[in-house]
Amino acid sequence: MTRSELINALMRKNPHLPVKSITLIVNAVFGSIAKSLSEGNRVELRGFGTFSFKTRAPRVGRNPKTGAQVHVAEKSIPFFKTGKELHIRINKDRS
């Protein structure tokens, strides 16, 4: 689901709200999650999951075109872990 599909789904469920308000709400939620992660915090949404980040150590990689060694700096990677309720909901039909 894309951001616009999410906004459209929320519009169908809440026809009394203007599109502009729904768009602002969706952007505020995603913006808050991104800001919190960029500040080094984790975001926990009970029943849904946890957004955090993992740090990858510096390493020596290879340029695939030339084969030359390239030093790759340490970096933080966003990570999502599903909550128990979401995990159960996703897998209930597969049992």
N, C-alpha and C. Protein backbone atom coordinates (compact mmCIF):
# COMPACT_ATOMS: atom_id res chain seq x y z
N MET A 1 0.85 -1.18 0.00
CA MET A 1 0.00 0.00 0.00
C MET A 1 0.89 1.24 0.00
N THR A 2 0.59 2.15 -0.88
CA THR A 2 1.33 3.40 -0.95
C THR A 2 0.67 4.44 -0.04
N ARG A 3 1.34 5.55 0.14
CA ARG A 3 0.80 6.62 0.97
C ARG A 3 -0.54 7.11 0.43
N SER A 4 -0.64 7.30 -0.88
CA SER A 4 -1.91 7.77 -1.47
C SER A 4 -3.01 6.73 -1.32
N GLU A 5 -2.67 5.45 -1.41
CA GLU A 5 -3.67 4.40 -1.20
C GLU A 5 -4.15 4.40 0.26
N LEU A 6 -3.24 4.66 1.19
CA LEU A 6 -3.62 4.75 2.60
C LEU A 6 -4.56 5.94 2.82
N ILE A 7 -4.24 7.06 2.22
CA ILE A 7 -5.10 8.25 2.34
C ILE A 7 -6.48 7.96 1.76
N ASN A 8 -6.53 7.30 0.60
CA ASN A 8 -7.82 6.96 -0.02
C ASN A 8 -8.62 6.01 0.86
N ALA A 9 -7.95 5.03 1.48
CA ALA A 9 -8.64 4.09 2.36
C ALA A 9 -9.21 4.81 3.57
N LEU A 10 -8.44 5.74 4.13
CA LEU A 10 -8.93 6.51 5.27
C LEU A 10 -10.08 7.43 4.87
N MET A 11 -10.05 7.95 3.65
CA MET A 11 -11.14 8.79 3.15
C MET A 11 -12.43 7.99 3.05
N ARG A 12 -12.34 6.75 2.57
CA ARG A 12 -13.54 5.90 2.44
C ARG A 12 -14.13 5.57 3.82
N LYS A 13 -13.27 5.37 4.82
CA LYS A 13 -13.76 5.03 6.15
C LYS A 13 -14.22 6.25 6.94
N ASN A 14 -13.75 7.43 6.54
CA ASN A 14 -14.09 8.68 7.24
C ASN A 14 -14.54 9.74 6.24
N PRO A 15 -15.70 9.55 5.61
CA PRO A 15 -16.13 10.51 4.57
C PRO A 15 -16.41 11.91 5.11
N HIS A 16 -16.59 12.05 6.42
CA HIS A 16 -16.86 13.37 7.01
C HIS A 16 -15.60 14.22 7.13
N LEU A 17 -14.42 13.63 6.97
CA LEU A 17 -13.16 14.39 7.07
C LEU A 17 -12.70 14.84 5.69
N PRO A 18 -12.21 16.07 5.58
CA PRO A 18 -11.69 16.53 4.28
C PRO A 18 -10.36 15.83 3.94
N VAL A 19 -10.11 15.71 2.65
CA VAL A 19 -8.90 15.06 2.17
C VAL A 19 -7.65 15.74 2.72
N LYS A 20 -7.68 17.06 2.79
CA LYS A 20 -6.53 17.81 3.27
C LYS A 20 -6.19 17.44 4.71
N SER A 21 -7.19 17.26 5.55
CA SER A 21 -6.97 16.89 6.95
C SER A 21 -6.37 15.49 7.05
N ILE A 22 -6.91 14.56 6.29
CA ILE A 22 -6.39 13.19 6.32
C ILE A 22 -4.94 13.17 5.85
N THR A 23 -4.64 13.92 4.79
CA THR A 23 -3.26 13.98 4.28
C THR A 23 -2.32 14.56 5.34
N LEU A 24 -2.75 15.61 6.02
CA LEU A 24 -1.93 16.20 7.07
C LEU A 24 -1.68 15.21 8.21
N ILE A 25 -2.70 14.45 8.58
CA ILE A 25 -2.56 13.47 9.66
C ILE A 25 -1.57 12.38 9.28
N VAL A 26 -1.72 11.82 8.07
CA VAL A 26 -0.82 10.76 7.61
C VAL A 26 0.62 11.28 7.55
N ASN A 27 0.80 12.47 7.00
CA ASN A 27 2.15 13.04 6.90
C ASN A 27 2.73 13.33 8.29
N ALA A 28 1.90 13.76 9.23
CA ALA A 28 2.37 14.03 10.59
C ALA A 28 2.82 12.75 11.29
N VAL A 29 2.06 11.67 11.11
CA VAL A 29 2.43 10.40 11.74
C VAL A 29 3.76 9.89 11.18
N PHE A 30 3.87 9.84 9.86
CA PHE A 30 5.12 9.36 9.26
C PHE A 30 6.28 10.29 9.58
N GLY A 31 6.02 11.58 9.58
CA GLY A 31 7.07 12.55 9.92
C GLY A 31 7.55 12.39 11.35
N SER A 32 6.64 12.14 12.26
CA SER A 32 7.01 11.94 13.67
C SER A 32 7.85 10.69 13.85
N ILE A 33 7.47 9.62 13.16
CA ILE A 33 8.25 8.37 13.24
C ILE A 33 9.65 8.61 12.70
N ALA A 34 9.76 9.25 11.54
CA ALA A 34 11.06 9.51 10.93
C ALA A 34 11.92 10.42 11.81
N LYS A 35 11.30 11.45 12.39
CA LYS A 35 12.05 12.37 13.25
C LYS A 35 12.57 11.66 14.49
N SER A 36 11.74 10.85 15.09
CA SER A 36 12.14 10.12 16.28
C SER A 36 13.30 9.17 15.98
N LEU A 37 13.22 8.47 14.85
CA LEU A 37 14.32 7.56 14.46
C LEU A 37 15.60 8.33 14.19
N SER A 38 15.48 9.49 13.53
CA SER A 38 16.68 10.27 13.22
C SER A 38 17.34 10.83 14.48
N GLU A 39 16.56 10.97 15.57
CA GLU A 39 17.12 11.43 16.84
C GLU A 39 17.68 10.27 17.67
N GLY A 40 17.60 9.06 17.14
CA GLY A 40 18.15 7.90 17.84
C GLY A 40 17.18 7.19 18.75
N ASN A 41 15.90 7.54 18.67
CA ASN A 41 14.88 6.91 19.51
C ASN A 41 14.18 5.79 18.75
N ARG A 42 13.54 4.89 19.49
CA ARG A 42 12.73 3.88 18.85
C ARG A 42 11.27 4.27 19.02
N VAL A 43 10.43 3.78 18.12
CA VAL A 43 9.00 4.08 18.15
C VAL A 43 8.25 2.77 18.29
N GLU A 44 7.45 2.67 19.34
CA GLU A 44 6.69 1.45 19.59
C GLU A 44 5.20 1.75 19.46
N LEU A 45 4.54 1.04 18.56
CA LEU A 45 3.10 1.15 18.38
C LEU A 45 2.50 -0.17 18.85
N ARG A 46 1.93 -0.18 20.04
CA ARG A 46 1.44 -1.42 20.65
C ARG A 46 0.47 -2.13 19.72
N GLY A 47 0.67 -3.42 19.57
CA GLY A 47 -0.18 -4.24 18.72
C GLY A 47 0.22 -4.19 17.26
N PHE A 48 1.07 -3.26 16.88
CA PHE A 48 1.48 -3.13 15.48
C PHE A 48 2.94 -3.52 15.31
N GLY A 49 3.83 -2.83 16.02
CA GLY A 49 5.24 -3.16 15.91
C GLY A 49 6.13 -2.04 16.42
N THR A 50 7.43 -2.26 16.27
CA THR A 50 8.43 -1.32 16.76
C THR A 50 9.36 -0.92 15.62
N PHE A 51 9.54 0.39 15.47
CA PHE A 51 10.51 0.93 14.53
C PHE A 51 11.76 1.27 15.33
N SER A 52 12.90 0.81 14.86
CA SER A 52 14.16 1.14 15.50
C SER A 52 15.22 1.19 14.41
N PHE A 53 16.47 1.24 14.81
CA PHE A 53 17.52 1.21 13.81
C PHE A 53 18.64 0.31 14.31
N LYS A 54 19.35 -0.26 13.36
CA LYS A 54 20.51 -1.08 13.68
C LYS A 54 21.72 -0.41 13.05
N THR A 55 22.84 -0.53 13.72
CA THR A 55 24.07 0.08 13.22
C THR A 55 24.91 -0.98 12.53
N ARG A 56 25.30 -0.71 11.32
CA ARG A 56 26.19 -1.61 10.58
C ARG A 56 27.62 -1.10 10.73
N ALA A 57 28.50 -1.99 11.08
CA ALA A 57 29.90 -1.64 11.30
C ALA A 57 30.57 -1.26 9.98
N PRO A 58 31.64 -0.46 10.04
CA PRO A 58 32.36 -0.16 8.80
C PRO A 58 32.98 -1.44 8.25
N ARG A 59 33.14 -1.48 6.93
CA ARG A 59 33.68 -2.69 6.31
C ARG A 59 34.37 -2.33 5.00
N VAL A 60 35.01 -3.31 4.44
CA VAL A 60 35.66 -3.14 3.14
C VAL A 60 34.79 -3.88 2.12
N GLY A 61 34.31 -3.14 1.12
CA GLY A 61 33.49 -3.72 0.07
C GLY A 61 34.24 -3.71 -1.24
N ARG A 62 33.58 -4.10 -2.29
CA ARG A 62 34.18 -4.12 -3.62
C ARG A 62 33.32 -3.35 -4.60
N ASN A 63 33.96 -2.59 -5.47
CA ASN A 63 33.27 -1.93 -6.56
C ASN A 63 32.96 -3.02 -7.59
N PRO A 64 31.69 -3.29 -7.88
CA PRO A 64 31.37 -4.39 -8.78
C PRO A 64 31.86 -4.18 -10.21
N LYS A 65 32.05 -2.94 -10.60
CA LYS A 65 32.48 -2.66 -11.97
C LYS A 65 33.99 -2.87 -12.14
N THR A 66 34.77 -2.37 -11.17
CA THR A 66 36.23 -2.43 -11.31
C THR A 66 36.86 -3.51 -10.45
N GLY A 67 36.15 -3.97 -9.42
CA GLY A 67 36.72 -4.96 -8.51
C GLY A 67 37.61 -4.34 -7.45
N ALA A 68 37.77 -3.02 -7.46
CA ALA A 68 38.62 -2.34 -6.48
C ALA A 68 37.96 -2.35 -5.10
N GLN A 69 38.80 -2.39 -4.08
CA GLN A 69 38.28 -2.34 -2.71
C GLN A 69 37.79 -0.93 -2.39
N VAL A 70 36.67 -0.87 -1.68
CA VAL A 70 36.07 0.40 -1.29
C VAL A 70 35.76 0.33 0.20
N HIS A 71 36.11 1.38 0.93
CA HIS A 71 35.81 1.42 2.36
C HIS A 71 34.39 1.96 2.54
N VAL A 72 33.55 1.18 3.20
CA VAL A 72 32.17 1.56 3.46
C VAL A 72 32.09 1.99 4.92
N ALA A 73 31.62 3.20 5.15
CA ALA A 73 31.56 3.75 6.50
C ALA A 73 30.43 3.11 7.31
N GLU A 74 30.50 3.28 8.63
CA GLU A 74 29.44 2.82 9.52
C GLU A 74 28.15 3.56 9.17
N LYS A 75 27.02 2.84 9.24
CA LYS A 75 25.75 3.50 8.96
C LYS A 75 24.63 2.86 9.76
N SER A 76 23.58 3.63 9.96
CA SER A 76 22.41 3.15 10.68
C SER A 76 21.33 2.78 9.67
N ILE A 77 20.69 1.63 9.89
CA ILE A 77 19.68 1.12 8.99
C ILE A 77 18.35 1.04 9.74
N PRO A 78 17.25 1.57 9.18
CA PRO A 78 15.96 1.45 9.85
C PRO A 78 15.52 -0.01 9.90
N PHE A 79 14.84 -0.39 10.97
CA PHE A 79 14.45 -1.77 11.20
C PHE A 79 13.04 -1.78 11.79
N PHE A 80 12.20 -2.72 11.33
CA PHE A 80 10.84 -2.85 11.85
C PHE A 80 10.63 -4.27 12.34
N LYS A 81 10.11 -4.38 13.55
CA LYS A 81 9.79 -5.69 14.12
C LYS A 81 8.29 -5.69 14.42
N THR A 82 7.58 -6.69 13.87
CA THR A 82 6.14 -6.74 14.08
C THR A 82 5.79 -7.03 15.52
N GLY A 83 4.66 -6.49 15.95
CA GLY A 83 4.14 -6.77 17.28
C GLY A 83 3.43 -8.12 17.28
N LYS A 84 3.17 -8.63 18.46
CA LYS A 84 2.58 -9.95 18.60
C LYS A 84 1.20 -10.03 17.93
N GLU A 85 0.35 -9.03 18.15
CA GLU A 85 -0.99 -9.05 17.58
C GLU A 85 -0.95 -9.01 16.05
N LEU A 86 -0.09 -8.20 15.48
CA LEU A 86 0.04 -8.13 14.02
C LEU A 86 0.58 -9.44 13.47
N HIS A 87 1.54 -10.01 14.15
CA HIS A 87 2.12 -11.28 13.71
C HIS A 87 1.05 -12.38 13.69
N ILE A 88 0.23 -12.44 14.72
CA ILE A 88 -0.85 -13.43 14.80
C ILE A 88 -1.86 -13.18 13.69
N ARG A 89 -2.23 -11.91 13.48
CA ARG A 89 -3.22 -11.57 12.47
C ARG A 89 -2.75 -11.94 11.05
N ILE A 90 -1.49 -11.70 10.78
CA ILE A 90 -0.93 -12.01 9.46
C ILE A 90 -0.89 -13.52 9.22
N ASN A 91 -0.55 -14.28 10.26
CA ASN A 91 -0.34 -15.71 10.11
C ASN A 91 -1.54 -16.58 10.48
N LYS A 92 -2.69 -16.01 10.86
CA LYS A 92 -3.80 -16.83 11.31
C LYS A 92 -4.38 -17.70 10.19
N ASP A 93 -4.36 -17.23 8.95
CA ASP A 93 -4.89 -18.00 7.83
C ASP A 93 -3.91 -19.06 7.33
N ARG A 94 -2.70 -19.02 7.78
CA ARG A 94 -1.67 -19.95 7.30
C ARG A 94 -1.51 -21.17 8.21
N SER A 95 -2.26 -21.23 9.29
CA SER A 95 -2.11 -22.33 10.25
C SER A 95 -2.82 -23.57 9.77
